[in-house]
Amino acid sequence: MSLRTGDTCNVSGNLTLYQDGRLGLDHIKKEADIQEGDKIVTSNISDIFLPGILIGYAVDVSIDPDHLTQSGYLIPA
């Protein structure tokens, strides 16, 4: 989730993103206010990870072509 706003998102990765030093950010609500440079931390939704652990920083967040959600990238901490 965004530490600044509390808006939630999913963090995912693949080998292509790994080679670029990035992870994917997706499933961000259209009305969410996640901006460039926002700290992305673990949320209290997961039973696996403690909340508040810094994952990285949001970059290139934009509205998806379907105009229903947003997505972008994460630079790992």
PDB file of N, CA and C in Angstrom:
ATOM      1  N   MET A   1       0.833  -1.180   0.000  1.00  0.00           N
ATOM      2  CA  MET A   1       0.000   0.000   0.000  1.00  0.00           C
ATOM      3  C   MET A   1       0.878   1.244   0.000  1.00  0.00           C
ATOM      4  N   SER A   2       0.308   2.367  -0.396  1.00  0.00           N
ATOM      5  CA  SER A   2       1.045   3.624  -0.366  1.00  0.00           C
ATOM      6  C   SER A   2       1.115   4.111   1.079  1.00  0.00           C
ATOM      7  N   LEU A   3       2.298   4.402   1.542  1.00  0.00           N
ATOM      8  CA  LEU A   3       2.466   4.893   2.907  1.00  0.00           C
ATOM      9  C   LEU A   3       1.819   6.262   3.073  1.00  0.00           C
ATOM     10  N   ARG A   4       1.839   7.073   2.023  1.00  0.00           N
ATOM     11  CA  ARG A   4       1.301   8.431   2.086  1.00  0.00           C
ATOM     12  C   ARG A   4      -0.225   8.458   2.148  1.00  0.00           C
ATOM     13  N   THR A   5      -0.889   7.606   1.341  1.00  0.00           N
ATOM     14  CA  THR A   5      -2.348   7.680   1.233  1.00  0.00           C
ATOM     15  C   THR A   5      -3.088   6.478   1.795  1.00  0.00           C
ATOM     16  N   GLY A   6      -2.418   5.337   1.926  1.00  0.00           N
ATOM     17  CA  GLY A   6      -3.086   4.115   2.370  1.00  0.00           C
ATOM     18  C   GLY A   6      -3.777   3.364   1.251  1.00  0.00           C
ATOM     19  N   ASP A   7      -3.677   3.868   0.003  1.00  0.00           N
ATOM     20  CA  ASP A   7      -4.269   3.168  -1.138  1.00  0.00           C
ATOM     21  C   ASP A   7      -3.530   1.856  -1.369  1.00  0.00           C
ATOM     22  N   THR A   8      -4.285   0.804  -1.683  1.00  0.00           N
ATOM     23  CA  THR A   8      -3.688  -0.517  -1.839  1.00  0.00           C
ATOM     24  C   THR A   8      -3.382  -0.825  -3.308  1.00  0.00           C
ATOM     25  N   CYS A   9      -2.470  -1.768  -3.486  1.00  0.00           N
ATOM     26  CA  CYS A   9      -2.077  -2.222  -4.818  1.00  0.00           C
ATOM     27  C   CYS A   9      -1.451  -3.602  -4.668  1.00  0.00           C
ATOM     28  N   ASN A  10      -1.208  -4.253  -5.790  1.00  0.00           N
ATOM     29  CA  ASN A  10      -0.488  -5.524  -5.810  1.00  0.00           C
ATOM     30  C   ASN A  10       0.897  -5.289  -6.381  1.00  0.00           C
ATOM     31  N   VAL A  11       1.876  -5.975  -5.825  1.00  0.00           N
ATOM     32  CA  VAL A  11       3.240  -5.928  -6.331  1.00  0.00           C
ATOM     33  C   VAL A  11       3.544  -7.298  -6.918  1.00  0.00           C
ATOM     34  N   SER A  12       4.047  -7.312  -8.151  1.00  0.00           N
ATOM     35  CA  SER A  12       4.372  -8.581  -8.802  1.00  0.00           C
ATOM     36  C   SER A  12       5.631  -8.403  -9.636  1.00  0.00           C
ATOM     37  N   GLY A  13       6.184  -9.501 -10.072  1.00  0.00           N
ATOM     38  CA  GLY A  13       7.401  -9.407 -10.857  1.00  0.00           C
ATOM     39  C   GLY A  13       7.513 -10.521 -11.865  1.00  0.00           C
ATOM     40  N   ASN A  14       8.450 -10.348 -12.789  1.00  0.00           N
ATOM     41  CA  ASN A  14       8.799 -11.378 -13.762  1.00  0.00           C
ATOM     42  C   ASN A  14      10.252 -11.155 -14.162  1.00  0.00           C
ATOM     43  N   LEU A  15      10.792 -12.036 -14.952  1.00  0.00           N
ATOM     44  CA  LEU A  15      12.214 -11.952 -15.297  1.00  0.00           C
ATOM     45  C   LEU A  15      12.556 -10.705 -16.107  1.00  0.00           C
ATOM     46  N   THR A  16      11.653 -10.263 -16.968  1.00  0.00           N
ATOM     47  CA  THR A  16      11.904  -9.057 -17.759  1.00  0.00           C
ATOM     48  C   THR A  16      12.002  -7.839 -16.853  1.00  0.00           C
ATOM     49  N   LEU A  17      11.049  -7.702 -15.940  1.00  0.00           N
ATOM     50  CA  LEU A  17      11.078  -6.583 -15.002  1.00  0.00           C
ATOM     51  C   LEU A  17      12.305  -6.673 -14.104  1.00  0.00           C
ATOM     52  N   TYR A  18      12.647  -7.885 -13.680  1.00  0.00           N
ATOM     53  CA  TYR A  18      13.819  -8.094 -12.831  1.00  0.00           C
ATOM     54  C   TYR A  18      15.088  -7.578 -13.507  1.00  0.00           C
ATOM     55  N   GLN A  19      15.223  -7.850 -14.800  1.00  0.00           N
ATOM     56  CA  GLN A  19      16.398  -7.388 -15.546  1.00  0.00           C
ATOM     57  C   GLN A  19      16.454  -5.862 -15.613  1.00  0.00           C
ATOM     58  N   ASP A  20      15.291  -5.219 -15.565  1.00  0.00           N
ATOM     59  CA  ASP A  20      15.217  -3.754 -15.584  1.00  0.00           C
ATOM     60  C   ASP A  20      15.305  -3.150 -14.182  1.00  0.00           C
ATOM     61  N   GLY A  21      15.397  -4.003 -13.156  1.00  0.00           N
ATOM     62  CA  GLY A  21      15.470  -3.516 -11.779  1.00  0.00           C
ATOM     63  C   GLY A  21      14.160  -2.963 -11.269  1.00  0.00           C
ATOM     64  N   ARG A  22      13.064  -3.524 -11.753  1.00  0.00           N
ATOM     65  CA  ARG A  22      11.732  -3.051 -11.374  1.00  0.00           C
ATOM     66  C   ARG A  22      10.826  -4.210 -10.992  1.00  0.00           C
ATOM     67  N   LEU A  23       9.718  -3.868 -10.352  1.00  0.00           N
ATOM     68  CA  LEU A  23       8.617  -4.786 -10.107  1.00  0.00           C
ATOM     69  C   LEU A  23       7.365  -4.117 -10.653  1.00  0.00           C
ATOM     70  N   GLY A  24       6.307  -4.893 -10.833  1.00  0.00           N
ATOM     71  CA  GLY A  24       5.059  -4.334 -11.331  1.00  0.00           C
ATOM     72  C   GLY A  24       4.145  -3.905 -10.195  1.00  0.00           C
ATOM     73  N   LEU A  25       3.420  -2.822 -10.415  1.00  0.00           N
ATOM     74  CA  LEU A  25       2.340  -2.380  -9.519  1.00  0.00           C
ATOM     75  C   LEU A  25       1.058  -2.478 -10.317  1.00  0.00           C
ATOM     76  N   ASP A  26       0.066  -3.175  -9.794  1.00  0.00           N
ATOM     77  CA  ASP A  26      -1.202  -3.253 -10.507  1.00  0.00           C
ATOM     78  C   ASP A  26      -2.368  -3.375  -9.530  1.00  0.00           C
ATOM     79  N   HIS A  27      -3.562  -3.476 -10.078  1.00  0.00           N
ATOM     80  CA  HIS A  27      -4.798  -3.519  -9.301  1.00  0.00           C
ATOM     81  C   HIS A  27      -4.931  -2.292  -8.392  1.00  0.00           C
ATOM     82  N   ILE A  28      -4.543  -1.136  -8.918  1.00  0.00           N
ATOM     83  CA  ILE A  28      -4.699   0.118  -8.194  1.00  0.00           C
ATOM     84  C   ILE A  28      -6.031   0.722  -8.633  1.00  0.00           C
ATOM     85  N   LYS A  29      -6.885   1.081  -7.684  1.00  0.00           N
ATOM     86  CA  LYS A  29      -8.170   1.674  -8.034  1.00  0.00           C
ATOM     87  C   LYS A  29      -7.958   2.948  -8.839  1.00  0.00           C
ATOM     88  N   LYS A  30      -8.879   3.202  -9.772  1.00  0.00           N
ATOM     89  CA  LYS A  30      -8.768   4.371 -10.651  1.00  0.00           C
ATOM     90  C   LYS A  30      -8.674   5.666  -9.848  1.00  0.00           C
ATOM     91  N   GLU A  31      -9.415   5.763  -8.750  1.00  0.00           N
ATOM     92  CA  GLU A  31      -9.454   6.994  -7.959  1.00  0.00           C
ATOM     93  C   GLU A  31      -8.335   7.078  -6.913  1.00  0.00           C
ATOM     94  N   ALA A  32      -7.479   6.058  -6.845  1.00  0.00           N
ATOM     95  CA  ALA A  32      -6.371   6.062  -5.879  1.00  0.00           C
ATOM     96  C   ALA A  32      -5.369   7.159  -6.227  1.00  0.00           C
ATOM     97  N   ASP A  33      -4.683   7.655  -5.211  1.00  0.00           N
ATOM     98  CA  ASP A  33      -3.731   8.752  -5.390  1.00  0.00           C
ATOM     99  C   ASP A  33      -2.311   8.273  -5.094  1.00  0.00           C
ATOM    100  N   ILE A  34      -1.840   7.309  -5.889  1.00  0.00           N
ATOM    101  CA  ILE A  34      -0.459   6.850  -5.770  1.00  0.00           C
ATOM    102  C   ILE A  34       0.357   7.611  -6.798  1.00  0.00           C
ATOM    103  N   GLN A  35       1.367   8.330  -6.344  1.00  0.00           N
ATOM    104  CA  GLN A  35       2.140   9.208  -7.216  1.00  0.00           C
ATOM    105  C   GLN A  35       3.594   8.761  -7.290  1.00  0.00           C
ATOM    106  N   GLU A  36       4.287   9.314  -8.272  1.00  0.00           N
ATOM    107  CA  GLU A  36       5.712   9.061  -8.476  1.00  0.00           C
ATOM    108  C   GLU A  36       6.482   9.302  -7.179  1.00  0.00           C
ATOM    109  N   GLY A  37       7.269   8.325  -6.757  1.00  0.00           N
ATOM    110  CA  GLY A  37       8.093   8.465  -5.566  1.00  0.00           C
ATOM    111  C   GLY A  37       7.432   8.043  -4.268  1.00  0.00           C
ATOM    112  N   ASP A  38       6.134   7.720  -4.297  1.00  0.00           N
ATOM    113  CA  ASP A  38       5.471   7.272  -3.065  1.00  0.00           C
ATOM    114  C   ASP A  38       6.129   6.000  -2.544  1.00  0.00           C
ATOM    115  N   LYS A  39       6.284   5.921  -1.238  1.00  0.00           N
ATOM    116  CA  LYS A  39       6.796   4.702  -0.615  1.00  0.00           C
ATOM    117  C   LYS A  39       5.684   3.662  -0.618  1.00  0.00           C
ATOM    118  N   ILE A  40       6.005   2.456  -1.095  1.00  0.00           N
ATOM    119  CA  ILE A  40       5.069   1.341  -1.090  1.00  0.00           C
ATOM    120  C   ILE A  40       5.533   0.370  -0.007  1.00  0.00           C
ATOM    121  N   VAL A  41       4.631   0.087   0.936  1.00  0.00           N
ATOM    122  CA  VAL A  41       4.945  -0.764   2.079  1.00  0.00           C
ATOM    123  C   VAL A  41       3.959  -1.923   2.135  1.00  0.00           C
ATOM    124  N   THR A  42       4.303  -2.948   2.897  1.00  0.00           N
ATOM    125  CA  THR A  42       3.371  -4.049   3.111  1.00  0.00           C
ATOM    126  C   THR A  42       2.177  -3.526   3.901  1.00  0.00           C
ATOM    127  N   SER A  43       1.012  -4.073   3.606  1.00  0.00           N
ATOM    128  CA  SER A  43      -0.212  -3.618   4.275  1.00  0.00           C
ATOM    129  C   SER A  43      -0.590  -4.580   5.391  1.00  0.00           C
ATOM    130  N   ASN A  44      -1.680  -4.264   6.064  1.00  0.00           N
ATOM    131  CA  ASN A  44      -2.167  -5.139   7.137  1.00  0.00           C
ATOM    132  C   ASN A  44      -3.139  -6.183   6.595  1.00  0.00           C
ATOM    133  N   ILE A  45      -3.281  -6.286   5.272  1.00  0.00           N
ATOM    134  CA  ILE A  45      -4.188  -7.257   4.659  1.00  0.00           C
ATOM    135  C   ILE A  45      -3.596  -8.663   4.712  1.00  0.00           C
ATOM    136  N   SER A  46      -2.280  -8.774   4.571  1.00  0.00           N
ATOM    137  CA  SER A  46      -1.608 -10.067   4.477  1.00  0.00           C
ATOM    138  C   SER A  46      -1.436 -10.722   5.849  1.00  0.00           C
ATOM    139  N   ASP A  47      -1.580 -12.030   5.866  1.00  0.00           N
ATOM    140  CA  ASP A  47      -1.274 -12.811   7.070  1.00  0.00           C
ATOM    141  C   ASP A  47       0.177 -13.268   7.070  1.00  0.00           C
ATOM    142  N   ILE A  48       0.884 -13.048   5.953  1.00  0.00           N
ATOM    143  CA  ILE A  48       2.254 -13.534   5.800  1.00  0.00           C
ATOM    144  C   ILE A  48       3.276 -12.476   6.205  1.00  0.00           C
ATOM    145  N   PHE A  49       3.057 -11.223   5.790  1.00  0.00           N
ATOM    146  CA  PHE A  49       4.034 -10.162   6.016  1.00  0.00           C
ATOM    147  C   PHE A  49       3.550  -9.174   7.065  1.00  0.00           C
ATOM    148  N   LEU A  50       4.449  -8.707   7.896  1.00  0.00           N
ATOM    149  CA  LEU A  50       4.109  -7.669   8.860  1.00  0.00           C
ATOM    150  C   LEU A  50       3.812  -6.369   8.117  1.00  0.00           C
ATOM    151  N   PRO A  51       2.876  -5.561   8.608  1.00  0.00           N
ATOM    152  CA  PRO A  51       2.571  -4.298   7.931  1.00  0.00           C
ATOM    153  C   PRO A  51       3.688  -3.270   8.119  1.00  0.00           C
ATOM    154  N   GLY A  52       3.834  -2.406   7.099  1.00  0.00           N
ATOM    155  CA  GLY A  52       4.756  -1.281   7.199  1.00  0.00           C
ATOM    156  C   GLY A  52       6.173  -1.536   6.738  1.00  0.00           C
ATOM    157  N   ILE A  53       6.461  -2.709   6.163  1.00  0.00           N
ATOM    158  CA  ILE A  53       7.806  -2.995   5.670  1.00  0.00           C
ATOM    159  C   ILE A  53       7.974  -2.335   4.296  1.00  0.00           C
ATOM    160  N   LEU A  54       9.001  -1.510   4.124  1.00  0.00           N
ATOM    161  CA  LEU A  54       9.236  -0.821   2.863  1.00  0.00           C
ATOM    162  C   LEU A  54       9.596  -1.820   1.768  1.00  0.00           C
ATOM    163  N   ILE A  55       8.834  -1.759   0.666  1.00  0.00           N
ATOM    164  CA  ILE A  55       9.110  -2.606  -0.496  1.00  0.00           C
ATOM    165  C   ILE A  55       9.883  -1.805  -1.539  1.00  0.00           C
ATOM    166  N   GLY A  56       9.449  -0.565  -1.786  1.00  0.00           N
ATOM    167  CA  GLY A  56      10.113   0.257  -2.780  1.00  0.00           C
ATOM    168  C   GLY A  56       9.351   1.544  -3.047  1.00  0.00           C
ATOM    169  N   TYR A  57       9.606   2.129  -4.215  1.00  0.00           N
ATOM    170  CA  TYR A  57       9.068   3.441  -4.571  1.00  0.00           C
ATOM    171  C   TYR A  57       8.322   3.368  -5.899  1.00  0.00           C
ATOM    172  N   ALA A  58       7.130   3.943  -5.962  1.00  0.00           N
ATOM    173  CA  ALA A  58       6.292   3.921  -7.156  1.00  0.00           C
ATOM    174  C   ALA A  58       6.867   4.819  -8.248  1.00  0.00           C
ATOM    175  N   VAL A  59       6.803   4.332  -9.490  1.00  0.00           N
ATOM    176  CA  VAL A  59       7.193   5.129 -10.663  1.00  0.00           C
ATOM    177  C   VAL A  59       6.242   4.802 -11.817  1.00  0.00           C
ATOM    178  N   ASP A  60       6.087   5.757 -12.713  1.00  0.00           N
ATOM    179  CA  ASP A  60       5.321   5.567 -13.958  1.00  0.00           C
ATOM    180  C   ASP A  60       3.908   5.034 -13.725  1.00  0.00           C
ATOM    181  N   VAL A  61       3.212   5.534 -12.713  1.00  0.00           N
ATOM    182  CA  VAL A  61       1.836   5.111 -12.447  1.00  0.00           C
ATOM    183  C   VAL A  61       0.900   5.869 -13.382  1.00  0.00           C
ATOM    184  N   SER A  62       0.036   5.133 -14.080  1.00  0.00           N
ATOM    185  CA  SER A  62      -0.914   5.762 -15.004  1.00  0.00           C
ATOM    186  C   SER A  62      -2.184   4.920 -15.084  1.00  0.00           C
ATOM    187  N   ILE A  63      -3.228   5.528 -15.633  1.00  0.00           N
ATOM    188  CA  ILE A  63      -4.508   4.835 -15.797  1.00  0.00           C
ATOM    189  C   ILE A  63      -4.371   3.820 -16.933  1.00  0.00           C
ATOM    190  N   ASP A  64      -4.889   2.621 -16.721  1.00  0.00           N
ATOM    191  CA  ASP A  64      -4.830   1.555 -17.722  1.00  0.00           C
ATOM    192  C   ASP A  64      -5.733   1.877 -18.914  1.00  0.00           C
ATOM    193  N   PRO A  65      -5.482   1.233 -20.060  1.00  0.00           N
ATOM    194  CA  PRO A  65      -6.297   1.478 -21.255  1.00  0.00           C
ATOM    195  C   PRO A  65      -7.795   1.235 -21.049  1.00  0.00           C
ATOM    196  N   ASP A  66      -8.163   0.350 -20.118  1.00  0.00           N
ATOM    197  CA  ASP A  66      -9.588   0.086 -19.875  1.00  0.00           C
ATOM    198  C   ASP A  66     -10.258   1.176 -19.025  1.00  0.00           C
ATOM    199  N   HIS A  67      -9.467   2.116 -18.518  1.00  0.00           N
ATOM    200  CA  HIS A  67      -9.949   3.242 -17.701  1.00  0.00           C
ATOM    201  C   HIS A  67     -10.658   2.794 -16.420  1.00  0.00           C
ATOM    202  N   LEU A  68     -10.355   1.572 -15.948  1.00  0.00           N
ATOM    203  CA  LEU A  68     -10.961   1.068 -14.724  1.00  0.00           C
ATOM    204  C   LEU A  68      -9.973   1.027 -13.568  1.00  0.00           C
ATOM    205  N   THR A  69      -8.703   0.849 -13.885  1.00  0.00           N
ATOM    206  CA  THR A  69      -7.664   0.722 -12.855  1.00  0.00           C
ATOM    207  C   THR A  69      -6.416   1.492 -13.284  1.00  0.00           C
ATOM    208  N   GLN A  70      -5.446   1.544 -12.370  1.00  0.00           N
ATOM    209  CA  GLN A  70      -4.139   2.116 -12.662  1.00  0.00           C
ATOM    210  C   GLN A  70      -3.080   1.032 -12.498  1.00  0.00           C
ATOM    211  N   SER A  71      -1.941   1.260 -13.107  1.00  0.00           N
ATOM    212  CA  SER A  71      -0.797   0.372 -12.906  1.00  0.00           C
ATOM    213  C   SER A  71       0.468   1.179 -13.109  1.00  0.00           C
ATOM    214  N   GLY A  72       1.577   0.581 -12.732  1.00  0.00           N
ATOM    215  CA  GLY A  72       2.862   1.247 -12.875  1.00  0.00           C
ATOM    216  C   GLY A  72       3.972   0.297 -12.481  1.00  0.00           C
ATOM    217  N   TYR A  73       5.050   0.862 -11.988  1.00  0.00           N
ATOM    218  CA  TYR A  73       6.212   0.075 -11.603  1.00  0.00           C
ATOM    219  C   TYR A  73       6.694   0.467 -10.220  1.00  0.00           C
ATOM    220  N   LEU A  74       7.520  -0.394  -9.664  1.00  0.00           N
ATOM    221  CA  LEU A  74       8.087  -0.174  -8.345  1.00  0.00           C
ATOM    222  C   LEU A  74       9.596  -0.361  -8.450  1.00  0.00           C
ATOM    223  N   ILE A  75      10.343   0.606  -7.932  1.00  0.00           N
ATOM    224  CA  ILE A  75      11.786   0.460  -7.812  1.00  0.00           C
ATOM    225  C   ILE A  75      12.038  -0.116  -6.425  1.00  0.00           C
ATOM    226  N   PRO A  76      12.548  -1.360  -6.338  1.00  0.00           N
ATOM    227  CA  PRO A  76      12.738  -1.978  -5.031  1.00  0.00           C
ATOM    228  C   PRO A  76      13.667  -1.189  -4.127  1.00  0.00           C
ATOM    229  N   ALA A  77      13.380  -1.229  -2.840  1.00  0.00           N
ATOM    230  CA  ALA A  77      14.208  -0.524  -1.842  1.00  0.00           C
ATOM    231  C   ALA A  77      15.558  -1.208  -1.719  1.00  0.00           C
TER     232      ALA A  77
END
